[in-house]
Structure formats: structure tokens, C-alpha cells
């Protein structure tokens, strides 16, 4: 159950929704991107092209990431589950260890890049 908003709060809410819509249109029309910076207290606002260039430079400088052509998640998860079942079936691990190590499909995901630009 929700209490209805007062007329004044409705006007404020409508105005804020219009401002938000305007900001979204500007971001989309100007091909901008907004990201939280490394320190988390500021926002980076820049062009998607510039952001892409910075990300590519990061990739080439670090050689820490590769772009995957397909998603191997299900195959990897199936192999992990199969291995755990084999280990448990042969009593190489205990039941509590098996349960602790068993991945939950709903909470698992592949590691991926969160590219947060530096502002300095």
C-alpha cells in the first residue's frame, strides 16, 4: 500500500522525469557515455568513440584481456560440474566440500572488463 503523492510532489516528480528524459536524449543524440571513475566519487562523461579508443589502448598496453568470439560459459560450467561429480563419486572430496564448490548457475558469470576511466 502506498500513500498518494501530494500535488506539489507530483509536480516535482514530473519535472524531474522530464529533466531525466532530456538528459537521456542528449546522451543518445551526442553519442556520449557516462561512467563512474576509479575513485567512485566522480563521473566520466565523454564520447563513445573516445571511450572506445581508451579501452583499445588499455587492451593493447596490458595484453590482459582477449575478446571472445563465443560464450564458453555453459561449456566451462558443465566441465566443472562433471569434475566435481567425478571427485565426489570417487570419494576424493567430502560431501560438504562438494556442496561448497558446486557452482550456482543463477549466480555465476564469466569475468569481464569493467573499464572505469581515470580522470587525471
PDB file of N, CA and C in Angstrom:
ATOM      1  N   UNK A   1       0.841  -1.174   0.000  1.00  0.00           N
ATOM      2  CA  UNK A   1       0.000   0.000   0.000  1.00  0.00           C
ATOM      3  C   UNK A   1       0.884   1.233   0.000  1.00  0.00           C
ATOM      4  N   UNK A   2       0.612   2.156  -0.895  1.00  0.00           N
ATOM      5  CA  UNK A   2       1.372   3.394  -0.999  1.00  0.00           C
ATOM      6  C   UNK A   2       0.467   4.581  -0.730  1.00  0.00           C
ATOM      7  N   UNK A   3       1.019   5.569  -0.042  1.00  0.00           N
ATOM      8  CA  UNK A   3       0.299   6.810   0.184  1.00  0.00           C
ATOM      9  C   UNK A   3       0.398   7.659  -1.074  1.00  0.00           C
ATOM     10  N   UNK A   4      -0.709   8.241  -1.538  1.00  0.00           N
ATOM     11  CA  UNK A   4      -0.646   9.077  -2.736  1.00  0.00           C
ATOM     12  C   UNK A   4       0.262  10.286  -2.517  1.00  0.00           C
ATOM     13  N   UNK A   5       0.938  10.700  -3.604  1.00  0.00           N
ATOM     14  CA  UNK A   5       1.792  11.881  -3.532  1.00  0.00           C
ATOM     15  C   UNK A   5       0.947  13.141  -3.477  1.00  0.00           C
ATOM     16  N   UNK A   6       1.470  14.121  -2.782  1.00  0.00           N
ATOM     17  CA  UNK A   6       0.787  15.416  -2.775  1.00  0.00           C
ATOM     18  C   UNK A   6       0.916  16.036  -4.165  1.00  0.00           C
ATOM     19  N   UNK A   7       0.107  17.041  -4.441  1.00  0.00           N
ATOM     20  CA  UNK A   7       0.138  17.705  -5.749  1.00  0.00           C
ATOM     21  C   UNK A   7       1.520  18.299  -6.011  1.00  0.00           C
ATOM     22  N   UNK A   8       2.107  18.908  -4.987  1.00  0.00           N
ATOM     23  CA  UNK A   8       3.438  19.508  -5.122  1.00  0.00           C
ATOM     24  C   UNK A   8       4.480  18.438  -5.465  1.00  0.00           C
ATOM     25  N   UNK A   9       4.416  17.297  -4.770  1.00  0.00           N
ATOM     26  CA  UNK A   9       5.361  16.212  -5.048  1.00  0.00           C
ATOM     27  C   UNK A   9       5.146  15.629  -6.444  1.00  0.00           C
ATOM     28  N   UNK A  10       3.895  15.599  -6.910  1.00  0.00           N
ATOM     29  CA  UNK A  10       3.616  15.130  -8.268  1.00  0.00           C
ATOM     30  C   UNK A  10       4.266  16.053  -9.296  1.00  0.00           C
ATOM     31  N   UNK A  11       4.159  17.370  -9.068  1.00  0.00           N
ATOM     32  CA  UNK A  11       4.782  18.334  -9.983  1.00  0.00           C
ATOM     33  C   UNK A  11       6.304  18.181  -9.996  1.00  0.00           C
ATOM     34  N   UNK A  12       6.888  18.035  -8.813  1.00  0.00           N
ATOM     35  CA  UNK A  12       8.340  17.853  -8.712  1.00  0.00           C
ATOM     36  C   UNK A  12       8.756  16.568  -9.426  1.00  0.00           C
ATOM     37  N   UNK A  13       8.002  15.514  -9.201  1.00  0.00           N
ATOM     38  CA  UNK A  13       8.299  14.230  -9.834  1.00  0.00           C
ATOM     39  C   UNK A  13       8.219  14.325 -11.351  1.00  0.00           C
ATOM     40  N   UNK A  14       7.191  14.987 -11.861  1.00  0.00           N
ATOM     41  CA  UNK A  14       7.019  15.156 -13.307  1.00  0.00           C
ATOM     42  C   UNK A  14       8.169  15.979 -13.892  1.00  0.00           C
ATOM     43  N   UNK A  15       8.554  17.043 -13.183  1.00  0.00           N
ATOM     44  CA  UNK A  15       9.657  17.889 -13.647  1.00  0.00           C
ATOM     45  C   UNK A  15      10.969  17.103 -13.685  1.00  0.00           C
ATOM     46  N   UNK A  16      11.225  16.313 -12.645  1.00  0.00           N
ATOM     47  CA  UNK A  16      12.446  15.512 -12.608  1.00  0.00           C
ATOM     48  C   UNK A  16      12.446  14.455 -13.711  1.00  0.00           C
ATOM     49  N   UNK A  17      11.296  13.874 -14.002  1.00  0.00           N
ATOM     50  CA  UNK A  17      11.194  12.892 -15.086  1.00  0.00           C
ATOM     51  C   UNK A  17      11.483  13.543 -16.431  1.00  0.00           C
ATOM     52  N   UNK A  18      11.001  14.774 -16.634  1.00  0.00           N
ATOM     53  CA  UNK A  18      11.268  15.494 -17.881  1.00  0.00           C
ATOM     54  C   UNK A  18      12.755  15.826 -18.008  1.00  0.00           C
ATOM     55  N   UNK A  19      13.371  16.236 -16.917  1.00  0.00           N
ATOM     56  CA  UNK A  19      14.809  16.537 -16.928  1.00  0.00           C
ATOM     57  C   UNK A  19      15.604  15.275 -17.260  1.00  0.00           C
ATOM     58  N   UNK A  20      15.240  14.181 -16.632  1.00  0.00           N
ATOM     59  CA  UNK A  20      15.916  12.915 -16.887  1.00  0.00           C
ATOM     60  C   UNK A  20      15.764  12.493 -18.346  1.00  0.00           C
ATOM     61  N   UNK A  21      14.564  12.634 -18.883  1.00  0.00           N
ATOM     62  CA  UNK A  21      14.338  12.315 -20.293  1.00  0.00           C
ATOM     63  C   UNK A  21      15.178  13.186 -21.207  1.00  0.00           C
ATOM     64  N   UNK A  22      15.282  14.459 -20.868  1.00  0.00           N
ATOM     65  CA  UNK A  22      16.096  15.389 -21.648  1.00  0.00           C
ATOM     66  C   UNK A  22      17.569  14.984 -21.613  1.00  0.00           C
ATOM     67  N   UNK A  23      18.061  14.621 -20.450  1.00  0.00           N
ATOM     68  CA  UNK A  23      19.453  14.180 -20.313  1.00  0.00           C
ATOM     69  C   UNK A  23      19.687  12.917 -21.134  1.00  0.00           C
ATOM     70  N   UNK A  24      18.762  11.981 -21.066  1.00  0.00           N
ATOM     71  CA  UNK A  24      18.901  10.739 -21.845  1.00  0.00           C
ATOM     72  C   UNK A  24      18.949  11.020 -23.341  1.00  0.00           C
ATOM     73  N   UNK A  25      18.102  11.933 -23.817  1.00  0.00           N
ATOM     74  CA  UNK A  25      18.100  12.276 -25.251  1.00  0.00           C
ATOM     75  C   UNK A  25      19.420  12.917 -25.661  1.00  0.00           C
ATOM     76  N   UNK A  26      19.942  13.809 -24.826  1.00  0.00           N
ATOM     77  CA  UNK A  26      21.224  14.458 -25.124  1.00  0.00           C
ATOM     78  C   UNK A  26      22.337  13.415 -25.192  1.00  0.00           C
ATOM     79  N   UNK A  27      22.362  12.522 -24.225  1.00  0.00           N
ATOM     80  CA  UNK A  27      23.385  11.471 -24.203  1.00  0.00           C
ATOM     81  C   UNK A  27      23.306  10.626 -25.470  1.00  0.00           C
ATOM     82  N   UNK A  28      22.099  10.249 -25.848  1.00  0.00           N
ATOM     83  CA  UNK A  28      21.917   9.406 -27.033  1.00  0.00           C
ATOM     84  C   UNK A  28      22.249  10.168 -28.315  1.00  0.00           C
ATOM     85  N   UNK A  29      21.769  11.383 -28.450  1.00  0.00           N
ATOM     86  CA  UNK A  29      21.983  12.161 -29.675  1.00  0.00           C
ATOM     87  C   UNK A  29      23.447  12.541 -29.878  1.00  0.00           C
ATOM     88  N   UNK A  30      24.164  12.769 -28.801  1.00  0.00           N
ATOM     89  CA  UNK A  30      25.562  13.194 -28.913  1.00  0.00           C
ATOM     90  C   UNK A  30      26.540  12.025 -28.769  1.00  0.00           C
ATOM     91  N   UNK A  31      26.007  10.798 -28.698  1.00  0.00           N
ATOM     92  CA  UNK A  31      26.848   9.594 -28.558  1.00  0.00           C
ATOM     93  C   UNK A  31      27.812   9.712 -27.386  1.00  0.00           C
ATOM     94  N   UNK A  32      27.256  10.050 -26.234  1.00  0.00           N
ATOM     95  CA  UNK A  32      28.055  10.188 -25.020  1.00  0.00           C
ATOM     96  C   UNK A  32      27.961   8.928 -24.180  1.00  0.00           C
ATOM     97  N   UNK A  33      28.924   8.788 -23.295  1.00  0.00           N
ATOM     98  CA  UNK A  33      28.922   7.674 -22.358  1.00  0.00           C
ATOM     99  C   UNK A  33      29.195   8.243 -20.970  1.00  0.00           C
ATOM    100  N   UNK A  34      28.550   7.678 -19.965  1.00  0.00           N
ATOM    101  CA  UNK A  34      28.744   8.117 -18.580  1.00  0.00           C
ATOM    102  C   UNK A  34      29.198   6.908 -17.776  1.00  0.00           C
ATOM    103  N   UNK A  35      30.300   7.065 -17.056  1.00  0.00           N
ATOM    104  CA  UNK A  35      30.826   6.000 -16.219  1.00  0.00           C
ATOM    105  C   UNK A  35      31.288   6.587 -14.891  1.00  0.00           C
ATOM    106  N   UNK A  36      31.208   5.779 -13.849  1.00  0.00           N
ATOM    107  CA  UNK A  36      31.773   6.157 -12.556  1.00  0.00           C
ATOM    108  C   UNK A  36      33.284   5.994 -12.672  1.00  0.00           C
ATOM    109  N   UNK A  37      34.046   6.934 -12.140  1.00  0.00           N
ATOM    110  CA  UNK A  37      35.506   6.864 -12.228  1.00  0.00           C
ATOM    111  C   UNK A  37      36.068   5.882 -11.212  1.00  0.00           C
ATOM    112  N   UNK A  38      37.387   5.679 -11.273  1.00  0.00           N
ATOM    113  CA  UNK A  38      38.065   4.727 -10.388  1.00  0.00           C
ATOM    114  C   UNK A  38      37.768   4.972  -8.917  1.00  0.00           C
ATOM    115  N   UNK A  39      37.801   6.211  -8.515  1.00  0.00           N
ATOM    116  CA  UNK A  39      37.610   6.529  -7.101  1.00  0.00           C
ATOM    117  C   UNK A  39      36.142   6.478  -6.690  1.00  0.00           C
ATOM    118  N   UNK A  40      35.236   6.473  -7.645  1.00  0.00           N
ATOM    119  CA  UNK A  40      33.823   6.316  -7.351  1.00  0.00           C
ATOM    120  C   UNK A  40      33.100   7.567  -6.922  1.00  0.00           C
ATOM    121  N   UNK A  41      33.805   8.701  -6.810  1.00  0.00           N
ATOM    122  CA  UNK A  41      33.143   9.924  -6.377  1.00  0.00           C
ATOM    123  C   UNK A  41      32.808  10.857  -7.527  1.00  0.00           C
ATOM    124  N   UNK A  42      33.278  10.528  -8.717  1.00  0.00           N
ATOM    125  CA  UNK A  42      33.071  11.387  -9.876  1.00  0.00           C
ATOM    126  C   UNK A  42      32.511  10.576 -11.035  1.00  0.00           C
ATOM    127  N   UNK A  43      32.017  11.299 -12.025  1.00  0.00           N
ATOM    128  CA  UNK A  43      31.540  10.664 -13.244  1.00  0.00           C
ATOM    129  C   UNK A  43      32.403  11.097 -14.409  1.00  0.00           C
ATOM    130  N   UNK A  44      32.648  10.171 -15.313  1.00  0.00           N
ATOM    131  CA  UNK A  44      33.319  10.471 -16.568  1.00  0.00           C
ATOM    132  C   UNK A  44      32.229  10.625 -17.617  1.00  0.00           C
ATOM    133  N   UNK A  45      32.223  11.734 -18.313  1.00  0.00           N
ATOM    134  CA  UNK A  45      31.294  11.944 -19.422  1.00  0.00           C
ATOM    135  C   UNK A  45      32.146  12.227 -20.647  1.00  0.00           C
ATOM    136  N   UNK A  46      32.024  11.400 -21.650  1.00  0.00           N
ATOM    137  CA  UNK A  46      32.820  11.573 -22.856  1.00  0.00           C
ATOM    138  C   UNK A  46      32.166  10.894 -24.036  1.00  0.00           C
ATOM    139  N   UNK A  47      32.778  11.047 -25.189  1.00  0.00           N
ATOM    140  CA  UNK A  47      32.211  10.450 -26.400  1.00  0.00           C
ATOM    141  C   UNK A  47      32.452   8.948 -26.390  1.00  0.00           C
ATOM    142  N   UNK A  48      31.531   8.222 -26.994  1.00  0.00           N
ATOM    143  CA  UNK A  48      31.688   6.773 -27.073  1.00  0.00           C
ATOM    144  C   UNK A  48      32.911   6.410 -27.906  1.00  0.00           C
ATOM    145  N   UNK A  49      33.226   7.237 -28.898  1.00  0.00           N
ATOM    146  CA  UNK A  49      34.402   6.978 -29.737  1.00  0.00           C
ATOM    147  C   UNK A  49      35.677   7.097 -28.904  1.00  0.00           C
ATOM    148  N   UNK A  50      35.780   8.173 -28.124  1.00  0.00           N
ATOM    149  CA  UNK A  50      36.957   8.368 -27.270  1.00  0.00           C
ATOM    150  C   UNK A  50      37.060   7.263 -26.220  1.00  0.00           C
ATOM    151  N   UNK A  51      35.934   6.882 -25.664  1.00  0.00           N
ATOM    152  CA  UNK A  51      35.911   5.808 -24.669  1.00  0.00           C
ATOM    153  C   UNK A  51      36.409   4.509 -25.299  1.00  0.00           C
ATOM    154  N   UNK A  52      35.955   4.228 -26.521  1.00  0.00           N
ATOM    155  CA  UNK A  52      36.407   3.034 -27.234  1.00  0.00           C
ATOM    156  C   UNK A  52      37.901   3.062 -27.498  1.00  0.00           C
ATOM    157  N   UNK A  53      38.428   4.229 -27.862  1.00  0.00           N
ATOM    158  CA  UNK A  53      39.870   4.366 -28.102  1.00  0.00           C
ATOM    159  C   UNK A  53      40.655   4.101 -26.818  1.00  0.00           C
ATOM    160  N   UNK A  54      40.172   4.640 -25.708  1.00  0.00           N
ATOM    161  CA  UNK A  54      40.857   4.416 -24.426  1.00  0.00           C
ATOM    162  C   UNK A  54      40.827   2.938 -24.041  1.00  0.00           C
ATOM    163  N   UNK A  55      39.689   2.297 -24.271  1.00  0.00           N
ATOM    164  CA  UNK A  55      39.583   0.869 -23.957  1.00  0.00           C
ATOM    165  C   UNK A  55      40.543   0.062 -24.831  1.00  0.00           C
ATOM    166  N   UNK A  56      40.607   0.366 -26.134  1.00  0.00           N
ATOM    167  CA  UNK A  56      41.525  -0.346 -27.029  1.00  0.00           C
ATOM    168  C   UNK A  56      42.980  -0.121 -26.616  1.00  0.00           C
ATOM    169  N   UNK A  57      43.309   1.100 -26.214  1.00  0.00           N
ATOM    170  CA  UNK A  57      44.673   1.395 -25.750  1.00  0.00           C
ATOM    171  C   UNK A  57      44.985   0.581 -24.499  1.00  0.00           C
ATOM    172  N   UNK A  58      44.019   0.494 -23.606  1.00  0.00           N
ATOM    173  CA  UNK A  58      44.203  -0.306 -22.394  1.00  0.00           C
ATOM    174  C   UNK A  58      44.453  -1.765 -22.761  1.00  0.00           C
ATOM    175  N   UNK A  59      43.663  -2.297 -23.699  1.00  0.00           N
ATOM    176  CA  UNK A  59      43.841  -3.686 -24.135  1.00  0.00           C
ATOM    177  C   UNK A  59      45.237  -3.904 -24.706  1.00  0.00           C
ATOM    178  N   UNK A  60      45.667  -3.011 -25.583  1.00  0.00           N
ATOM    179  CA  UNK A  60      46.966  -3.190 -26.232  1.00  0.00           C
ATOM    180  C   UNK A  60      48.122  -2.975 -25.256  1.00  0.00           C
ATOM    181  N   UNK A  61      47.968  -2.072 -24.296  1.00  0.00           N
ATOM    182  CA  UNK A  61      49.036  -1.811 -23.325  1.00  0.00           C
ATOM    183  C   UNK A  61      49.209  -2.953 -22.328  1.00  0.00           C
ATOM    184  N   UNK A  62      48.113  -3.571 -21.918  1.00  0.00           N
ATOM    185  CA  UNK A  62      48.188  -4.572 -20.855  1.00  0.00           C
ATOM    186  C   UNK A  62      48.253  -6.001 -21.368  1.00  0.00           C
ATOM    187  N   UNK A  63      47.677  -6.275 -22.523  1.00  0.00           N
ATOM    188  CA  UNK A  63      47.575  -7.651 -23.042  1.00  0.00           C
ATOM    189  C   UNK A  63      46.952  -8.591 -22.011  1.00  0.00           C
ATOM    190  N   UNK A  64      46.091  -8.072 -21.168  1.00  0.00           N
ATOM    191  CA  UNK A  64      45.489  -8.860 -20.096  1.00  0.00           C
ATOM    192  C   UNK A  64      44.143  -9.451 -20.486  1.00  0.00           C
ATOM    193  N   UNK A  65      43.577  -8.999 -21.591  1.00  0.00           N
ATOM    194  CA  UNK A  65      42.249  -9.451 -21.982  1.00  0.00           C
ATOM    195  C   UNK A  65      42.247  -9.863 -23.442  1.00  0.00           C
ATOM    196  N   UNK A  66      41.373 -10.805 -23.761  1.00  0.00           N
ATOM    197  CA  UNK A  66      41.115 -11.141 -25.155  1.00  0.00           C
ATOM    198  C   UNK A  66      39.609 -11.102 -25.374  1.00  0.00           C
ATOM    199  N   UNK A  67      39.222 -10.749 -26.573  1.00  0.00           N
ATOM    200  CA  UNK A  67      37.804 -10.722 -26.897  1.00  0.00           C
ATOM    201  C   UNK A  67      37.394 -12.107 -27.370  1.00  0.00           C
ATOM    202  N   UNK A  68      36.361 -12.648 -26.777  1.00  0.00           N
ATOM    203  CA  UNK A  68      35.894 -13.986 -27.124  1.00  0.00           C
ATOM    204  C   UNK A  68      34.918 -13.915 -28.287  1.00  0.00           C
ATOM    205  N   UNK A  69      35.054 -14.863 -29.209  1.00  0.00           N
ATOM    206  CA  UNK A  69      34.135 -14.892 -30.348  1.00  0.00           C
ATOM    207  C   UNK A  69      32.819 -15.575 -29.986  1.00  0.00           C
ATOM    208  N   UNK A  70      32.850 -16.413 -28.954  1.00  0.00           N
ATOM    209  CA  UNK A  70      31.629 -17.072 -28.490  1.00  0.00           C
ATOM    210  C   UNK A  70      31.679 -17.157 -26.969  1.00  0.00           C
ATOM    211  N   UNK A  71      30.552 -17.451 -26.380  1.00  0.00           N
ATOM    212  CA  UNK A  71      30.451 -17.507 -24.927  1.00  0.00           C
ATOM    213  C   UNK A  71      30.692 -18.943 -24.447  1.00  0.00           C
ATOM    214  N   UNK A  72      31.840 -19.216 -23.793  1.00  0.00           N
ATOM    215  CA  UNK A  72      32.143 -20.578 -23.342  1.00  0.00           C
ATOM    216  C   UNK A  72      31.578 -20.909 -21.961  1.00  0.00           C
ATOM    217  N   UNK A  73      30.740 -20.043 -21.425  1.00  0.00           N
ATOM    218  CA  UNK A  73      30.281 -20.184 -20.040  1.00  0.00           C
ATOM    219  C   UNK A  73      29.645 -21.544 -19.760  1.00  0.00           C
ATOM    220  N   UNK A  74      28.663 -21.940 -20.566  1.00  0.00           N
ATOM    221  CA  UNK A  74      27.950 -23.200 -20.299  1.00  0.00           C
ATOM    222  C   UNK A  74      28.879 -24.402 -20.389  1.00  0.00           C
ATOM    223  N   UNK A  75      29.787 -24.390 -21.350  1.00  0.00           N
ATOM    224  CA  UNK A  75      30.737 -25.491 -21.502  1.00  0.00           C
ATOM    225  C   UNK A  75      31.661 -25.587 -20.288  1.00  0.00           C
ATOM    226  N   UNK A  76      32.165 -24.456 -19.837  1.00  0.00           N
ATOM    227  CA  UNK A  76      33.044 -24.434 -18.659  1.00  0.00           C
ATOM    228  C   UNK A  76      32.288 -24.906 -17.424  1.00  0.00           C
ATOM    229  N   UNK A  77      31.084 -24.402 -17.252  1.00  0.00           N
ATOM    230  CA  UNK A  77      30.280 -24.774 -16.088  1.00  0.00           C
ATOM    231  C   UNK A  77      29.979 -26.271 -16.091  1.00  0.00           C
ATOM    232  N   UNK A  78      29.630 -26.818 -17.255  1.00  0.00           N
ATOM    233  CA  UNK A  78      29.354 -28.256 -17.357  1.00  0.00           C
ATOM    234  C   UNK A  78      30.585 -29.084 -16.999  1.00  0.00           C
ATOM    235  N   UNK A  79      31.768 -28.644 -17.434  1.00  0.00           N
ATOM    236  CA  UNK A  79      33.005 -29.369 -17.121  1.00  0.00           C
ATOM    237  C   UNK A  79      33.309 -29.320 -15.630  1.00  0.00           C
ATOM    238  N   UNK A  80      33.077 -28.177 -15.003  1.00  0.00           N
ATOM    239  CA  UNK A  80      33.305 -28.052 -13.559  1.00  0.00           C
ATOM    240  C   UNK A  80      32.365 -28.984 -12.801  1.00  0.00           C
ATOM    241  N   UNK A  81      31.102 -28.992 -13.180  1.00  0.00           N
ATOM    242  CA  UNK A  81      30.117 -29.856 -12.512  1.00  0.00           C
ATOM    243  C   UNK A  81      30.469 -31.325 -12.718  1.00  0.00           C
ATOM    244  N   UNK A  82      30.866 -31.674 -13.940  1.00  0.00           N
ATOM    245  CA  UNK A  82      31.251 -33.055 -14.237  1.00  0.00           C
ATOM    246  C   UNK A  82      32.463 -33.470 -13.396  1.00  0.00           C
ATOM    247  N   UNK A  83      33.447 -32.592 -13.281  1.00  0.00           N
ATOM    248  CA  UNK A  83      34.633 -32.889 -12.474  1.00  0.00           C
ATOM    249  C   UNK A  83      34.265 -33.053 -11.002  1.00  0.00           C
ATOM    250  N   UNK A  84      33.428 -32.172 -10.489  1.00  0.00           N
ATOM    251  CA  UNK A  84      33.008 -32.288  -9.088  1.00  0.00           C
ATOM    252  C   UNK A  84      32.242 -33.586  -8.847  1.00  0.00           C
ATOM    253  N   UNK A  85      31.385 -33.955  -9.783  1.00  0.00           N
ATOM    254  CA  UNK A  85      30.644 -35.220  -9.655  1.00  0.00           C
ATOM    255  C   UNK A  85      31.600 -36.412  -9.644  1.00  0.00           C
ATOM    256  N   UNK A  86      32.621 -36.360 -10.495  1.00  0.00           N
ATOM    257  CA  UNK A  86      33.615 -37.439 -10.536  1.00  0.00           C
ATOM    258  C   UNK A  86      34.387 -37.507  -9.223  1.00  0.00           C
ATOM    259  N   UNK A  87      34.843 -36.359  -8.739  1.00  0.00           N
ATOM    260  CA  UNK A  87      35.583 -36.325  -7.477  1.00  0.00           C
ATOM    261  C   UNK A  87      34.740 -36.837  -6.319  1.00  0.00           C
ATOM    262  N   UNK A  88      33.484 -36.443  -6.285  1.00  0.00           N
ATOM    263  CA  UNK A  88      32.593 -36.890  -5.206  1.00  0.00           C
ATOM    264  C   UNK A  88      32.284 -38.377  -5.345  1.00  0.00           C
ATOM    265  N   UNK A  89      32.057 -38.820  -6.582  1.00  0.00           N
ATOM    266  CA  UNK A  89      31.751 -40.236  -6.822  1.00  0.00           C
ATOM    267  C   UNK A  89      32.881 -41.160  -6.404  1.00  0.00           C
ATOM    268  N   UNK A  90      34.111 -40.687  -6.497  1.00  0.00           N
ATOM    269  CA  UNK A  90      35.278 -41.495  -6.114  1.00  0.00           C
ATOM    270  C   UNK A  90      35.737 -41.199  -4.688  1.00  0.00           C
ATOM    271  N   UNK A  91      34.941 -40.429  -3.958  1.00  0.00           N
ATOM    272  CA  UNK A  91      35.230 -40.064  -2.564  1.00  0.00           C
ATOM    273  C   UNK A  91      36.565 -39.334  -2.402  1.00  0.00           C
ATOM    274  N   UNK A  92      36.963 -38.556  -3.415  1.00  0.00           N
ATOM    275  CA  UNK A  92      38.164 -37.732  -3.301  1.00  0.00           C
ATOM    276  C   UNK A  92      37.866 -36.431  -2.552  1.00  0.00           C
ATOM    277  N   UNK A  93      36.611 -36.050  -2.527  1.00  0.00           N
ATOM    278  CA  UNK A  93      36.195 -34.889  -1.743  1.00  0.00           C
ATOM    279  C   UNK A  93      34.995 -35.296  -0.901  1.00  0.00           C
ATOM    280  N   UNK A  94      34.832 -34.616   0.196  1.00  0.00           N
ATOM    281  CA  UNK A  94      33.708 -34.915   1.087  1.00  0.00           C
ATOM    282  C   UNK A  94      32.452 -34.206   0.605  1.00  0.00           C
ATOM    283  N   UNK A  95      31.323 -34.618   1.140  1.00  0.00           N
ATOM    284  CA  UNK A  95      30.040 -34.061   0.710  1.00  0.00           C
ATOM    285  C   UNK A  95      29.978 -32.552   0.932  1.00  0.00           C
ATOM    286  N   UNK A  96      30.448 -32.088   2.088  1.00  0.00           N
ATOM    287  CA  UNK A  96      30.384 -30.652   2.378  1.00  0.00           C
ATOM    288  C   UNK A  96      31.283 -29.871   1.426  1.00  0.00           C
ATOM    289  N   UNK A  97      32.433 -30.455   1.048  1.00  0.00           N
ATOM    290  CA  UNK A  97      33.307 -29.790   0.085  1.00  0.00           C
ATOM    291  C   UNK A  97      32.637 -29.717  -1.285  1.00  0.00           C
ATOM    292  N   UNK A  98      32.010 -30.819  -1.667  1.00  0.00           N
ATOM    293  CA  UNK A  98      31.282 -30.884  -2.936  1.00  0.00           C
ATOM    294  C   UNK A  98      30.204 -29.802  -2.989  1.00  0.00           C
ATOM    295  N   UNK A  99      29.446 -29.692  -1.910  1.00  0.00           N
ATOM    296  CA  UNK A  99      28.366 -28.700  -1.865  1.00  0.00           C
ATOM    297  C   UNK A  99      28.914 -27.276  -1.874  1.00  0.00           C
ATOM    298  N   UNK A 100      30.036 -27.061  -1.195  1.00  0.00           N
ATOM    299  CA  UNK A 100      30.642 -25.727  -1.165  1.00  0.00           C
ATOM    300  C   UNK A 100      31.185 -25.319  -2.533  1.00  0.00           C
ATOM    301  N   UNK A 101      31.739 -26.268  -3.272  1.00  0.00           N
ATOM    302  CA  UNK A 101      32.367 -25.967  -4.560  1.00  0.00           C
ATOM    303  C   UNK A 101      31.402 -25.987  -5.736  1.00  0.00           C
ATOM    304  N   UNK A 102      30.228 -26.561  -5.552  1.00  0.00           N
ATOM    305  CA  UNK A 102      29.270 -26.660  -6.656  1.00  0.00           C
ATOM    306  C   UNK A 102      28.795 -25.265  -7.062  1.00  0.00           C
ATOM    307  N   UNK A 103      29.022 -24.880  -8.323  1.00  0.00           N
ATOM    308  CA  UNK A 103      28.598 -23.542  -8.767  1.00  0.00           C
ATOM    309  C   UNK A 103      27.081 -23.445  -8.895  1.00  0.00           C
ATOM    310  N   UNK A 104      26.579 -22.271  -8.640  1.00  0.00           N
ATOM    311  CA  UNK A 104      25.153 -21.981  -8.789  1.00  0.00           C
ATOM    312  C   UNK A 104      24.965 -21.260 -10.121  1.00  0.00           C
ATOM    313  N   UNK A 105      24.275 -21.888 -11.060  1.00  0.00           N
ATOM    314  CA  UNK A 105      24.104 -21.325 -12.407  1.00  0.00           C
ATOM    315  C   UNK A 105      23.476 -19.933 -12.390  1.00  0.00           C
ATOM    316  N   UNK A 106      22.649 -19.670 -11.405  1.00  0.00           N
ATOM    317  CA  UNK A 106      21.966 -18.370 -11.381  1.00  0.00           C
ATOM    318  C   UNK A 106      22.879 -17.240 -10.909  1.00  0.00           C
ATOM    319  N   UNK A 107      23.967 -17.582 -10.194  1.00  0.00           N
ATOM    320  CA  UNK A 107      24.855 -16.549  -9.655  1.00  0.00           C
ATOM    321  C   UNK A 107      26.220 -16.503 -10.327  1.00  0.00           C
ATOM    322  N   UNK A 108      26.470 -17.389 -11.274  1.00  0.00           N
ATOM    323  CA  UNK A 108      27.776 -17.445 -11.931  1.00  0.00           C
ATOM    324  C   UNK A 108      27.782 -16.600 -13.197  1.00  0.00           C
ATOM    325  N   UNK A 109      28.943 -16.036 -13.488  1.00  0.00           N
ATOM    326  CA  UNK A 109      29.132 -15.325 -14.751  1.00  0.00           C
ATOM    327  C   UNK A 109      30.615 -15.308 -15.075  1.00  0.00           C
ATOM    328  N   UNK A 110      30.917 -15.165 -16.353  1.00  0.00           N
ATOM    329  CA  UNK A 110      32.305 -15.040 -16.765  1.00  0.00           C
ATOM    330  C   UNK A 110      32.855 -13.705 -16.292  1.00  0.00           C
ATOM    331  N   UNK A 111      34.131 -13.695 -15.985  1.00  0.00           N
ATOM    332  CA  UNK A 111      34.778 -12.430 -15.649  1.00  0.00           C
ATOM    333  C   UNK A 111      34.753 -11.533 -16.873  1.00  0.00           C
ATOM    334  N   UNK A 112      34.536 -10.269 -16.670  1.00  0.00           N
ATOM    335  CA  UNK A 112      34.526  -9.340 -17.789  1.00  0.00           C
ATOM    336  C   UNK A 112      35.092  -8.001 -17.341  1.00  0.00           C
ATOM    337  N   UNK A 113      35.424  -7.207 -18.315  1.00  0.00           N
ATOM    338  CA  UNK A 113      36.092  -5.939 -18.052  1.00  0.00           C
ATOM    339  C   UNK A 113      35.097  -4.873 -17.622  1.00  0.00           C
ATOM    340  N   UNK A 114      35.388  -4.241 -16.508  1.00  0.00           N
ATOM    341  CA  UNK A 114      34.693  -3.027 -16.100  1.00  0.00           C
ATOM    342  C   UNK A 114      35.692  -1.905 -16.333  1.00  0.00           C
ATOM    343  N   UNK A 115      35.580  -1.240 -17.447  1.00  0.00           N
ATOM    344  CA  UNK A 115      36.566  -0.214 -17.775  1.00  0.00           C
ATOM    345  C   UNK A 115      36.109   1.102 -17.182  1.00  0.00           C
ATOM    346  N   UNK A 116      36.726   1.487 -16.076  1.00  0.00           N
ATOM    347  CA  UNK A 116      36.434   2.764 -15.434  1.00  0.00           C
ATOM    348  C   UNK A 116      37.567   3.723 -15.747  1.00  0.00           C
ATOM    349  N   UNK A 117      37.307   4.756 -16.521  1.00  0.00           N
ATOM    350  CA  UNK A 117      38.382   5.664 -16.913  1.00  0.00           C
ATOM    351  C   UNK A 117      38.911   6.479 -15.742  1.00  0.00           C
ATOM    352  N   UNK A 118      40.184   6.792 -15.832  1.00  0.00           N
ATOM    353  CA  UNK A 118      40.803   7.678 -14.847  1.00  0.00           C
ATOM    354  C   UNK A 118      40.555   9.115 -15.295  1.00  0.00           C
ATOM    355  N   UNK A 119      40.345  10.003 -14.346  1.00  0.00           N
ATOM    356  CA  UNK A 119      40.038  11.388 -14.698  1.00  0.00           C
ATOM    357  C   UNK A 119      41.278  12.264 -14.742  1.00  0.00           C
ATOM    358  N   UNK A 120      42.400  11.735 -14.352  1.00  0.00           N
ATOM    359  CA  UNK A 120      43.618  12.556 -14.356  1.00  0.00           C
ATOM    360  C   UNK A 120      44.498  12.246 -15.545  1.00  0.00           C
TER     361      UNK A 120
END
